[in-house]
Structure formats: structure tokens, C-alpha cells
N, C-alpha and C. Protein backbone atom coordinates (compact mmCIF):
# COMPACT_ATOMS: atom_id res chain seq x y z
N MET A 1 14.44 8.95 -13.82
CA MET A 1 13.71 9.84 -14.70
C MET A 1 12.60 10.51 -13.90
N PRO A 2 12.46 11.82 -14.03
CA PRO A 2 11.39 12.50 -13.30
C PRO A 2 10.02 12.04 -13.80
N LEU A 3 9.13 11.82 -12.86
CA LEU A 3 7.74 11.52 -13.20
C LEU A 3 6.85 12.60 -12.61
N LEU A 4 5.63 12.68 -13.10
CA LEU A 4 4.70 13.69 -12.60
C LEU A 4 4.18 13.29 -11.23
N HIS A 5 4.17 14.28 -10.33
CA HIS A 5 3.64 14.10 -8.98
C HIS A 5 2.64 15.22 -8.73
N ARG A 6 1.62 14.89 -7.95
CA ARG A 6 0.52 15.83 -7.71
C ARG A 6 0.87 16.85 -6.64
N SER A 7 0.77 18.12 -7.00
CA SER A 7 0.91 19.21 -6.04
C SER A 7 -0.46 19.86 -5.85
N LEU A 8 -0.63 20.52 -4.73
CA LEU A 8 -1.87 21.26 -4.49
C LEU A 8 -1.86 22.61 -5.21
N SER A 9 -0.66 23.14 -5.43
CA SER A 9 -0.54 24.50 -5.96
C SER A 9 -0.44 24.56 -7.48
N HIS A 10 0.17 23.56 -8.13
CA HIS A 10 0.47 23.64 -9.55
C HIS A 10 0.01 22.42 -10.34
N GLY A 11 -0.85 21.61 -9.76
CA GLY A 11 -1.26 20.39 -10.44
C GLY A 11 -0.11 19.40 -10.49
N GLU A 12 0.00 18.65 -11.56
CA GLU A 12 1.07 17.67 -11.69
C GLU A 12 2.35 18.34 -12.15
N ILE A 13 3.44 18.07 -11.41
CA ILE A 13 4.75 18.63 -11.76
C ILE A 13 5.79 17.51 -11.70
N PRO A 14 6.85 17.64 -12.52
CA PRO A 14 7.87 16.60 -12.51
C PRO A 14 8.75 16.66 -11.27
N PHE A 15 9.13 15.47 -10.79
CA PHE A 15 10.05 15.34 -9.67
C PHE A 15 10.87 14.08 -9.88
N GLY A 16 12.16 14.18 -9.60
CA GLY A 16 13.00 12.99 -9.60
C GLY A 16 14.37 13.20 -10.19
N PHE A 17 15.13 12.11 -10.19
CA PHE A 17 16.44 12.11 -10.82
C PHE A 17 16.25 12.26 -12.33
N PHE A 18 17.18 12.95 -12.98
CA PHE A 18 17.07 13.12 -14.43
C PHE A 18 18.26 12.53 -15.17
N ASN A 19 19.27 12.03 -14.44
CA ASN A 19 20.40 11.35 -15.06
C ASN A 19 20.89 10.30 -14.08
N ILE A 20 21.16 9.10 -14.55
CA ILE A 20 21.49 7.99 -13.65
C ILE A 20 22.86 8.12 -12.99
N GLU A 21 23.72 8.99 -13.50
CA GLU A 21 25.06 9.15 -12.92
C GLU A 21 25.18 10.34 -12.00
N SER A 22 24.09 11.02 -11.73
CA SER A 22 24.10 12.17 -10.82
C SER A 22 23.04 11.96 -9.74
N ASP A 23 23.31 12.50 -8.56
CA ASP A 23 22.31 12.43 -7.50
C ASP A 23 21.51 13.72 -7.41
N MET A 24 21.56 14.53 -8.47
CA MET A 24 20.75 15.74 -8.48
C MET A 24 19.33 15.37 -8.90
N VAL A 25 18.36 16.02 -8.27
CA VAL A 25 16.96 15.83 -8.63
C VAL A 25 16.36 17.18 -9.01
N LEU A 26 15.25 17.10 -9.69
CA LEU A 26 14.53 18.33 -10.00
C LEU A 26 13.12 18.24 -9.44
N LEU A 27 12.61 19.38 -9.07
CA LEU A 27 11.20 19.56 -8.70
C LEU A 27 10.72 20.70 -9.58
N ASN A 28 10.19 20.35 -10.73
CA ASN A 28 9.81 21.28 -11.77
C ASN A 28 11.02 22.11 -12.19
N ASN A 29 11.15 23.36 -11.74
CA ASN A 29 12.31 24.17 -12.11
C ASN A 29 13.30 24.35 -10.96
N TYR A 30 13.10 23.65 -9.84
CA TYR A 30 14.05 23.65 -8.73
C TYR A 30 14.98 22.46 -8.90
N PHE A 31 16.27 22.69 -8.71
CA PHE A 31 17.26 21.63 -8.79
C PHE A 31 18.06 21.60 -7.49
N PHE A 32 18.25 20.40 -6.95
CA PHE A 32 19.02 20.24 -5.71
C PHE A 32 19.52 18.81 -5.64
N PHE A 33 20.51 18.60 -4.80
CA PHE A 33 21.08 17.26 -4.68
C PHE A 33 20.25 16.43 -3.72
N ALA A 34 20.06 15.17 -4.07
CA ALA A 34 19.23 14.27 -3.26
C ALA A 34 19.76 14.13 -1.85
N GLY A 35 21.08 14.16 -1.68
CA GLY A 35 21.66 14.08 -0.34
C GLY A 35 21.26 15.28 0.51
N ASP A 36 21.21 16.47 -0.09
CA ASP A 36 20.78 17.67 0.64
C ASP A 36 19.29 17.58 0.97
N PHE A 37 18.52 17.09 0.02
CA PHE A 37 17.08 16.91 0.25
C PHE A 37 16.86 15.96 1.42
N ALA A 38 17.58 14.83 1.42
CA ALA A 38 17.45 13.85 2.51
C ALA A 38 17.86 14.45 3.84
N GLU A 39 18.94 15.22 3.85
CA GLU A 39 19.40 15.87 5.08
C GLU A 39 18.34 16.83 5.61
N ASN A 40 17.70 17.58 4.73
CA ASN A 40 16.64 18.50 5.15
C ASN A 40 15.43 17.74 5.67
N VAL A 41 15.11 16.62 5.07
CA VAL A 41 13.99 15.81 5.54
C VAL A 41 14.31 15.25 6.93
N ILE A 42 15.56 14.87 7.15
CA ILE A 42 15.97 14.38 8.48
C ILE A 42 15.79 15.48 9.53
N LYS A 43 16.18 16.70 9.21
CA LYS A 43 15.98 17.83 10.13
C LYS A 43 14.49 18.04 10.41
N MET A 44 13.69 17.91 9.36
CA MET A 44 12.24 18.05 9.50
C MET A 44 11.68 16.95 10.40
N ALA A 45 12.20 15.73 10.23
CA ALA A 45 11.73 14.60 11.03
C ALA A 45 12.08 14.76 12.50
N ASP A 46 13.17 15.46 12.78
CA ASP A 46 13.59 15.69 14.17
C ASP A 46 12.71 16.71 14.89
N LYS A 47 11.96 17.50 14.12
CA LYS A 47 11.09 18.52 14.73
C LYS A 47 9.75 17.90 15.10
N GLU A 48 9.44 17.93 16.35
CA GLU A 48 8.12 17.45 16.80
C GLU A 48 7.25 18.68 16.93
N THR A 49 6.40 18.86 15.95
CA THR A 49 5.59 20.08 15.94
C THR A 49 4.13 19.76 15.71
N GLY A 50 3.29 20.54 16.32
CA GLY A 50 1.87 20.39 16.11
C GLY A 50 1.32 21.59 15.38
N GLY A 51 2.19 22.52 15.04
CA GLY A 51 1.75 23.74 14.37
C GLY A 51 2.42 23.89 13.03
N SER A 52 2.97 25.07 12.81
CA SER A 52 3.63 25.38 11.56
C SER A 52 5.10 25.65 11.85
N SER A 53 5.97 25.11 11.02
CA SER A 53 7.40 25.37 11.19
C SER A 53 8.02 25.56 9.82
N GLY A 54 9.08 26.33 9.79
CA GLY A 54 9.73 26.61 8.51
C GLY A 54 11.23 26.41 8.59
N MET A 55 11.82 26.22 7.44
CA MET A 55 13.27 26.12 7.32
C MET A 55 13.65 26.55 5.92
N ASP A 56 14.92 26.91 5.76
CA ASP A 56 15.41 27.31 4.44
C ASP A 56 16.17 26.16 3.80
N TRP A 57 15.96 25.97 2.50
CA TRP A 57 16.68 24.97 1.72
C TRP A 57 17.42 25.70 0.61
N ASP A 58 18.62 25.22 0.28
CA ASP A 58 19.38 25.76 -0.83
C ASP A 58 19.00 24.99 -2.10
N VAL A 59 18.62 25.74 -3.13
CA VAL A 59 18.25 25.13 -4.42
C VAL A 59 18.78 26.02 -5.54
N TYR A 60 18.80 25.46 -6.73
CA TYR A 60 19.03 26.23 -7.94
C TYR A 60 17.69 26.35 -8.65
N ILE A 61 17.34 27.56 -9.05
CA ILE A 61 16.09 27.77 -9.78
C ILE A 61 16.45 28.17 -11.21
N LEU A 62 16.05 27.34 -12.16
CA LEU A 62 16.40 27.58 -13.55
C LEU A 62 15.18 28.01 -14.35
N GLY A 63 15.42 28.92 -15.28
CA GLY A 63 14.39 29.30 -16.23
C GLY A 63 14.20 28.18 -17.25
N GLU A 64 13.07 28.18 -17.90
CA GLU A 64 12.73 27.10 -18.83
C GLU A 64 13.78 26.88 -19.91
N LYS A 65 14.30 27.96 -20.50
CA LYS A 65 15.29 27.81 -21.57
C LYS A 65 16.62 27.29 -21.04
N ASP A 66 16.91 27.52 -19.78
CA ASP A 66 18.17 27.05 -19.20
C ASP A 66 18.11 25.59 -18.75
N ILE A 67 16.92 25.06 -18.56
CA ILE A 67 16.78 23.66 -18.13
C ILE A 67 17.21 22.72 -19.24
N GLY A 68 16.74 22.93 -20.44
CA GLY A 68 17.05 22.06 -21.57
C GLY A 68 15.94 21.06 -21.81
N ASN A 69 16.16 20.19 -22.77
CA ASN A 69 15.15 19.21 -23.18
C ASN A 69 15.62 17.82 -22.80
N LEU A 70 14.98 17.24 -21.78
CA LEU A 70 15.39 15.93 -21.27
C LEU A 70 15.27 14.84 -22.32
N MET A 71 14.16 14.76 -23.01
CA MET A 71 13.95 13.68 -23.98
C MET A 71 14.95 13.78 -25.15
N ALA A 72 15.24 15.00 -25.60
CA ALA A 72 16.23 15.16 -26.67
C ALA A 72 17.62 14.76 -26.19
N ALA A 73 17.94 15.09 -24.93
CA ALA A 73 19.25 14.72 -24.37
C ALA A 73 19.36 13.21 -24.20
N ILE A 74 18.29 12.58 -23.72
CA ILE A 74 18.29 11.12 -23.55
C ILE A 74 18.52 10.43 -24.89
N SER A 75 17.86 10.92 -25.93
CA SER A 75 17.99 10.30 -27.25
C SER A 75 19.31 10.66 -27.94
N GLY A 76 20.03 11.64 -27.38
CA GLY A 76 21.32 12.01 -27.93
C GLY A 76 21.27 12.85 -29.19
N ILE A 77 20.11 13.45 -29.46
CA ILE A 77 19.99 14.23 -30.70
C ILE A 77 20.16 15.73 -30.49
N TYR A 78 19.99 16.20 -29.25
CA TYR A 78 20.05 17.64 -29.01
C TYR A 78 20.40 17.86 -27.55
N PHE A 79 21.46 18.63 -27.31
CA PHE A 79 21.93 18.85 -25.94
C PHE A 79 21.84 20.33 -25.59
N SER A 80 20.69 20.74 -25.11
CA SER A 80 20.50 22.15 -24.76
C SER A 80 20.45 22.31 -23.25
N GLY A 81 20.82 23.49 -22.79
CA GLY A 81 20.69 23.86 -21.38
C GLY A 81 21.48 22.96 -20.44
N PHE A 82 21.16 23.09 -19.17
CA PHE A 82 21.85 22.35 -18.13
C PHE A 82 21.72 20.84 -18.30
N ILE A 83 20.52 20.36 -18.56
CA ILE A 83 20.32 18.92 -18.72
C ILE A 83 21.13 18.41 -19.91
N GLY A 84 21.20 19.17 -20.98
CA GLY A 84 22.03 18.78 -22.12
C GLY A 84 23.50 18.67 -21.74
N ASP A 85 23.99 19.62 -20.93
CA ASP A 85 25.38 19.57 -20.47
C ASP A 85 25.65 18.29 -19.69
N VAL A 86 24.71 17.92 -18.81
CA VAL A 86 24.89 16.70 -18.00
C VAL A 86 24.93 15.48 -18.91
N TYR A 87 24.04 15.41 -19.90
CA TYR A 87 24.01 14.26 -20.80
C TYR A 87 25.20 14.20 -21.75
N LYS A 88 25.86 15.32 -22.02
CA LYS A 88 27.09 15.27 -22.80
C LYS A 88 28.17 14.51 -22.01
N HIS A 89 28.19 14.70 -20.71
CA HIS A 89 29.17 14.00 -19.86
C HIS A 89 28.74 12.58 -19.54
N PHE A 90 27.46 12.40 -19.34
CA PHE A 90 26.93 11.09 -18.91
C PHE A 90 25.78 10.70 -19.84
N PRO A 91 26.09 10.16 -21.02
CA PRO A 91 25.04 9.81 -21.98
C PRO A 91 24.13 8.69 -21.47
N PHE A 92 22.95 8.67 -22.01
CA PHE A 92 21.99 7.61 -21.70
C PHE A 92 22.57 6.28 -22.18
N PRO A 93 22.48 5.23 -21.35
CA PRO A 93 23.06 3.94 -21.77
C PRO A 93 22.30 3.32 -22.94
N HIS A 94 23.05 2.68 -23.83
CA HIS A 94 22.43 2.01 -24.98
C HIS A 94 21.75 0.71 -24.57
N GLU A 95 22.30 0.03 -23.57
CA GLU A 95 21.74 -1.23 -23.12
C GLU A 95 20.68 -0.97 -22.05
N PRO A 96 19.44 -1.40 -22.26
CA PRO A 96 18.37 -1.13 -21.30
C PRO A 96 18.67 -1.63 -19.88
N GLU A 97 19.40 -2.72 -19.75
CA GLU A 97 19.69 -3.26 -18.42
C GLU A 97 20.64 -2.36 -17.63
N LYS A 98 21.31 -1.43 -18.30
CA LYS A 98 22.21 -0.49 -17.60
C LYS A 98 21.48 0.77 -17.15
N PHE A 99 20.21 0.88 -17.48
CA PHE A 99 19.42 2.04 -17.08
C PHE A 99 18.95 1.85 -15.64
N LYS A 100 19.84 2.14 -14.70
CA LYS A 100 19.58 2.05 -13.27
C LYS A 100 20.24 3.23 -12.58
N GLN A 101 19.59 3.76 -11.55
CA GLN A 101 20.14 4.91 -10.82
C GLN A 101 21.36 4.48 -10.02
N ASN A 102 22.47 5.17 -10.23
CA ASN A 102 23.73 4.83 -9.59
C ASN A 102 23.73 5.32 -8.14
N PRO A 103 23.85 4.42 -7.16
CA PRO A 103 23.88 4.85 -5.76
C PRO A 103 25.13 5.65 -5.41
N ALA A 104 26.14 5.61 -6.28
CA ALA A 104 27.36 6.41 -6.08
C ALA A 104 27.31 7.71 -6.89
N GLY A 105 26.11 8.11 -7.29
CA GLY A 105 25.95 9.34 -8.05
C GLY A 105 26.45 10.58 -7.33
N TYR A 106 26.51 10.52 -6.01
CA TYR A 106 27.01 11.65 -5.24
C TYR A 106 28.47 11.97 -5.59
N LYS A 107 29.19 11.02 -6.16
CA LYS A 107 30.59 11.24 -6.51
C LYS A 107 30.75 12.21 -7.68
N THR A 108 29.69 12.46 -8.42
CA THR A 108 29.75 13.40 -9.54
C THR A 108 29.30 14.80 -9.12
N ARG A 109 29.04 14.98 -7.85
CA ARG A 109 28.46 16.24 -7.37
C ARG A 109 29.27 17.46 -7.77
N GLU A 110 30.58 17.43 -7.57
CA GLU A 110 31.40 18.60 -7.86
C GLU A 110 31.29 18.99 -9.33
N LEU A 111 31.33 18.00 -10.21
CA LEU A 111 31.22 18.26 -11.64
C LEU A 111 29.85 18.83 -11.99
N VAL A 112 28.78 18.20 -11.51
CA VAL A 112 27.42 18.64 -11.83
C VAL A 112 27.14 20.01 -11.21
N ASP A 113 27.65 20.24 -10.01
CA ASP A 113 27.47 21.54 -9.36
C ASP A 113 28.14 22.64 -10.19
N GLY A 114 29.31 22.35 -10.73
CA GLY A 114 29.98 23.32 -11.61
C GLY A 114 29.18 23.60 -12.86
N MET A 115 28.54 22.57 -13.40
CA MET A 115 27.73 22.75 -14.61
C MET A 115 26.53 23.66 -14.36
N ILE A 116 25.82 23.40 -13.27
CA ILE A 116 24.58 24.16 -13.03
C ILE A 116 24.88 25.62 -12.68
N LYS A 117 26.05 25.86 -12.12
CA LYS A 117 26.41 27.25 -11.75
C LYS A 117 26.61 28.13 -12.97
N ARG A 118 26.69 27.53 -14.15
CA ARG A 118 26.74 28.32 -15.38
C ARG A 118 25.36 28.90 -15.72
N TYR A 119 24.32 28.34 -15.09
CA TYR A 119 22.95 28.75 -15.40
C TYR A 119 22.26 29.50 -14.26
N ALA A 120 22.67 29.24 -13.03
CA ALA A 120 22.01 29.88 -11.90
C ALA A 120 22.91 29.79 -10.66
N SER A 121 22.66 30.68 -9.73
CA SER A 121 23.34 30.63 -8.43
C SER A 121 22.42 29.94 -7.45
N SER A 122 23.01 29.33 -6.45
CA SER A 122 22.22 28.72 -5.39
C SER A 122 21.44 29.81 -4.67
N THR A 123 20.20 29.52 -4.35
CA THR A 123 19.36 30.47 -3.65
C THR A 123 18.58 29.73 -2.57
N LYS A 124 18.11 30.47 -1.58
CA LYS A 124 17.35 29.86 -0.50
C LYS A 124 15.86 29.97 -0.78
N ILE A 125 15.17 28.87 -0.53
CA ILE A 125 13.71 28.89 -0.57
C ILE A 125 13.23 28.52 0.83
N THR A 126 12.04 28.95 1.15
CA THR A 126 11.47 28.61 2.44
C THR A 126 10.57 27.40 2.29
N VAL A 127 10.75 26.46 3.21
CA VAL A 127 9.93 25.26 3.26
C VAL A 127 9.12 25.33 4.54
N ILE A 128 7.80 25.25 4.40
CA ILE A 128 6.91 25.38 5.56
C ILE A 128 6.09 24.12 5.71
N VAL A 129 6.18 23.53 6.88
CA VAL A 129 5.37 22.37 7.23
C VAL A 129 4.24 22.86 8.12
N ASP A 130 3.00 22.64 7.71
CA ASP A 130 1.84 23.02 8.51
C ASP A 130 1.14 21.74 8.95
N SER A 131 1.40 21.37 10.20
CA SER A 131 0.85 20.12 10.71
C SER A 131 -0.67 20.16 10.81
N ALA A 132 -1.23 21.34 11.09
CA ALA A 132 -2.68 21.44 11.22
C ALA A 132 -3.38 21.13 9.90
N SER A 133 -2.87 21.68 8.80
CA SER A 133 -3.51 21.44 7.50
C SER A 133 -2.89 20.24 6.77
N GLN A 134 -1.86 19.64 7.40
CA GLN A 134 -1.19 18.47 6.80
C GLN A 134 -0.64 18.81 5.41
N THR A 135 0.01 19.98 5.31
CA THR A 135 0.61 20.39 4.04
C THR A 135 2.07 20.75 4.25
N ILE A 136 2.80 20.68 3.17
CA ILE A 136 4.19 21.15 3.15
C ILE A 136 4.35 21.99 1.89
N LYS A 137 4.93 23.16 2.07
CA LYS A 137 5.17 24.07 0.95
C LYS A 137 6.67 24.15 0.74
N ILE A 138 7.12 23.72 -0.42
CA ILE A 138 8.53 23.75 -0.80
C ILE A 138 8.68 24.90 -1.78
N GLY A 139 9.11 26.05 -1.27
CA GLY A 139 9.13 27.25 -2.10
C GLY A 139 7.73 27.57 -2.54
N GLU A 140 7.49 27.59 -3.85
CA GLU A 140 6.16 27.92 -4.35
C GLU A 140 5.26 26.70 -4.55
N TYR A 141 5.78 25.50 -4.31
CA TYR A 141 5.04 24.27 -4.57
C TYR A 141 4.48 23.68 -3.28
N MET A 142 3.17 23.50 -3.23
CA MET A 142 2.53 22.97 -2.03
C MET A 142 2.02 21.55 -2.29
N PHE A 143 2.25 20.70 -1.28
CA PHE A 143 1.82 19.30 -1.33
C PHE A 143 1.03 18.97 -0.08
N ASP A 144 0.07 18.06 -0.22
CA ASP A 144 -0.54 17.52 0.99
C ASP A 144 0.40 16.45 1.54
N ARG A 145 0.07 15.92 2.69
CA ARG A 145 0.93 14.94 3.35
C ARG A 145 1.21 13.74 2.45
N ILE A 146 0.17 13.21 1.83
CA ILE A 146 0.33 12.04 0.96
C ILE A 146 1.17 12.38 -0.27
N GLY A 147 0.96 13.54 -0.84
CA GLY A 147 1.76 13.96 -2.00
C GLY A 147 3.23 14.10 -1.64
N PHE A 148 3.52 14.63 -0.45
CA PHE A 148 4.90 14.74 0.01
C PHE A 148 5.50 13.35 0.25
N HIS A 149 4.69 12.46 0.82
CA HIS A 149 5.16 11.08 1.00
C HIS A 149 5.57 10.46 -0.33
N GLN A 150 4.81 10.75 -1.39
CA GLN A 150 5.13 10.19 -2.70
C GLN A 150 6.50 10.64 -3.19
N LEU A 151 6.87 11.89 -2.88
CA LEU A 151 8.21 12.36 -3.26
C LEU A 151 9.28 11.56 -2.52
N LEU A 152 9.08 11.37 -1.23
CA LEU A 152 10.05 10.62 -0.43
C LEU A 152 10.16 9.17 -0.91
N LEU A 153 9.03 8.56 -1.21
CA LEU A 153 9.03 7.17 -1.65
C LEU A 153 9.66 7.02 -3.04
N TYR A 154 9.53 8.05 -3.86
CA TYR A 154 10.16 8.01 -5.18
C TYR A 154 11.68 8.02 -5.05
N LEU A 155 12.20 8.84 -4.12
CA LEU A 155 13.65 8.82 -3.87
C LEU A 155 14.07 7.49 -3.27
N TRP A 156 13.27 6.97 -2.33
CA TRP A 156 13.58 5.69 -1.71
C TRP A 156 13.72 4.59 -2.78
N ALA A 157 12.85 4.62 -3.76
CA ALA A 157 12.85 3.60 -4.81
C ALA A 157 14.01 3.78 -5.80
N GLY A 158 14.59 4.99 -5.83
CA GLY A 158 15.59 5.27 -6.85
C GLY A 158 14.97 5.80 -8.12
N GLY A 159 13.76 6.39 -7.94
CA GLY A 159 13.05 6.93 -9.08
C GLY A 159 12.68 5.83 -10.06
N TYR A 160 12.54 6.25 -11.30
CA TYR A 160 12.38 5.28 -12.36
C TYR A 160 13.66 5.40 -13.16
N PRO A 161 14.54 4.50 -13.05
CA PRO A 161 14.43 3.05 -13.19
C PRO A 161 14.74 2.22 -11.94
N ARG A 162 14.87 2.79 -10.78
CA ARG A 162 15.21 2.12 -9.52
C ARG A 162 16.73 2.10 -9.31
N TRP A 163 17.12 1.82 -8.07
CA TRP A 163 18.54 1.81 -7.71
C TRP A 163 19.25 0.62 -8.34
N LYS A 164 20.44 0.87 -8.81
CA LYS A 164 21.29 -0.18 -9.41
C LYS A 164 21.57 -1.26 -8.36
N ASP A 165 21.32 -2.50 -8.71
CA ASP A 165 21.54 -3.67 -7.85
C ASP A 165 20.77 -3.59 -6.53
N GLY A 166 19.73 -2.74 -6.47
CA GLY A 166 18.92 -2.61 -5.25
C GLY A 166 19.66 -1.96 -4.10
N VAL A 167 20.80 -1.31 -4.38
CA VAL A 167 21.63 -0.68 -3.34
C VAL A 167 21.26 0.79 -3.25
N ARG A 168 20.93 1.23 -2.04
CA ARG A 168 20.60 2.63 -1.79
C ARG A 168 21.77 3.33 -1.12
N PRO A 169 21.97 4.63 -1.43
CA PRO A 169 23.03 5.36 -0.74
C PRO A 169 22.69 5.55 0.74
N ASP A 170 23.72 5.77 1.54
CA ASP A 170 23.53 5.95 2.99
C ASP A 170 22.55 7.07 3.31
N TYR A 171 22.60 8.17 2.54
CA TYR A 171 21.72 9.29 2.86
C TYR A 171 20.25 8.90 2.71
N ILE A 172 19.93 7.99 1.81
CA ILE A 172 18.55 7.53 1.64
C ILE A 172 18.16 6.63 2.82
N MET A 173 19.08 5.77 3.23
CA MET A 173 18.82 4.88 4.38
C MET A 173 18.62 5.71 5.65
N ASP A 174 19.45 6.75 5.83
CA ASP A 174 19.34 7.62 7.01
C ASP A 174 18.02 8.38 7.00
N MET A 175 17.59 8.82 5.81
CA MET A 175 16.32 9.53 5.69
C MET A 175 15.18 8.62 6.13
N LYS A 176 15.16 7.40 5.61
CA LYS A 176 14.09 6.47 5.98
C LYS A 176 14.06 6.24 7.49
N LYS A 177 15.22 6.00 8.07
CA LYS A 177 15.32 5.74 9.51
C LYS A 177 14.74 6.90 10.32
N SER A 178 15.09 8.12 9.95
CA SER A 178 14.58 9.31 10.66
C SER A 178 13.08 9.48 10.48
N VAL A 179 12.62 9.27 9.27
CA VAL A 179 11.19 9.47 8.98
C VAL A 179 10.33 8.46 9.74
N ILE A 180 10.73 7.19 9.74
CA ILE A 180 9.86 6.20 10.40
C ILE A 180 9.89 6.31 11.92
N SER A 181 10.93 6.94 12.48
CA SER A 181 10.97 7.12 13.94
C SER A 181 10.48 8.50 14.37
N SER A 182 10.06 9.32 13.40
CA SER A 182 9.66 10.69 13.69
C SER A 182 8.28 10.76 14.35
N ASN A 183 8.12 11.74 15.22
CA ASN A 183 6.81 12.06 15.80
C ASN A 183 6.16 13.24 15.10
N ASN A 184 6.81 13.76 14.08
CA ASN A 184 6.24 14.87 13.32
C ASN A 184 5.03 14.35 12.54
N PRO A 185 3.86 14.96 12.73
CA PRO A 185 2.63 14.46 12.07
C PRO A 185 2.69 14.42 10.55
N ILE A 186 3.58 15.21 9.93
CA ILE A 186 3.63 15.22 8.47
C ILE A 186 4.09 13.88 7.91
N PHE A 187 4.75 13.05 8.74
CA PHE A 187 5.24 11.76 8.27
C PHE A 187 4.32 10.60 8.66
N GLU A 188 3.24 10.91 9.32
CA GLU A 188 2.33 9.85 9.79
C GLU A 188 1.79 9.04 8.61
N GLY A 189 1.90 7.73 8.73
CA GLY A 189 1.32 6.83 7.74
C GLY A 189 2.20 6.50 6.56
N ILE A 190 3.40 7.04 6.50
CA ILE A 190 4.26 6.72 5.35
C ILE A 190 4.72 5.26 5.44
N ARG A 191 4.75 4.60 4.29
CA ARG A 191 5.10 3.17 4.23
C ARG A 191 6.21 2.97 3.18
N PHE A 192 7.39 2.73 3.67
CA PHE A 192 8.51 2.42 2.77
C PHE A 192 8.43 0.95 2.40
N GLY A 193 8.62 0.62 1.13
CA GLY A 193 8.56 -0.74 0.68
C GLY A 193 9.85 -1.49 0.91
């Protein structure tokens, strides 16, 4: 479930998985697959920079009406927009103990990708890491180093409700490995639990 995370540009904004059977995450109105996010973070970790560097990420940007209502979809009373479409296919579990993020969520990617394409096309955003100011700008959203670390740690944890059986997908393990061995100053001080 997405939780609020502190940005420098927009105050608190939601970030995280929004359905336990998909590996898609949202960052406010940006939607992308966690595996792609991890791959981009790995590329970022490979860059040893003391200045500013940029890269392009592929995301889907949805308008507010196209996103849908997460709480209504979770409760099963109203299925609007993209999130409603996802919950029609993958309803919220009735048993609380089954509310865990599925590490095999990447297997639903083709289906979920087809759903979101009804609302938006993939577009490129620019991500800029500024080592001097210790900030990262993901499209229009800017985070300080600690705020960006919180996003990474949230994925590492499996968001809320955590990874099913404590098992993380390979892309999350690879991301952690790259980040902790990185010399890029933006990752300095990050502590994976």
C-alpha cells in the first residue's frame, strides 16, 4: 500500500505498491514497474559522480480521474480508473494474513501493462542526481538524499504489508547489492534492514 513520503518539491506524496499481486508502484501520479525502478537505481549506483548527472526513465503519467480510488477498490465497493481495473482482477484478500506483497508480482506485468495503456502511454521523464546538493529529481518530484533512501527502503521492505514469507524478488536483491557497493554519494549512509 502506498504511504506518504516527504518530497522537497511537493510535500508529502504517496509512493509504493498499490496491489499485492502486481509489482507496479506509484509515485503520486507516476506509475512504473518496481523491476524497472530497481534497474534504474542500479544504473545510478554504477555512476561515480561528484556533480550532476541525468538519465531518462520510462513511466506512465495518469491524470487524477484516470488513477481511480484506491480505498474504494480495496473495499470492493467502487472500481474506477486504472486502480479499479487492477482490483477487479486482483481483489483485496478477505483474510488479513494473506495481505502480503507477492514477490512473484512481476508475473502479472503483461496484464497490468495492458490495463494501464488504456489510460496513458509510456513517456520518458528525466531523473537528475545532484551530488553537490544531495538531491534527486524524479521528473517533477525532488527528494533529498534521505528522502530518496526512504523510497528505496520502502521497496526493500515490500512496502506495507511487507514481502510474503519474507522473500524478496531478485531485482530487489540486486538493487540492494549495487547500492551498498556504490561510490555514488547519493547512496551514502543508506542502511538496509
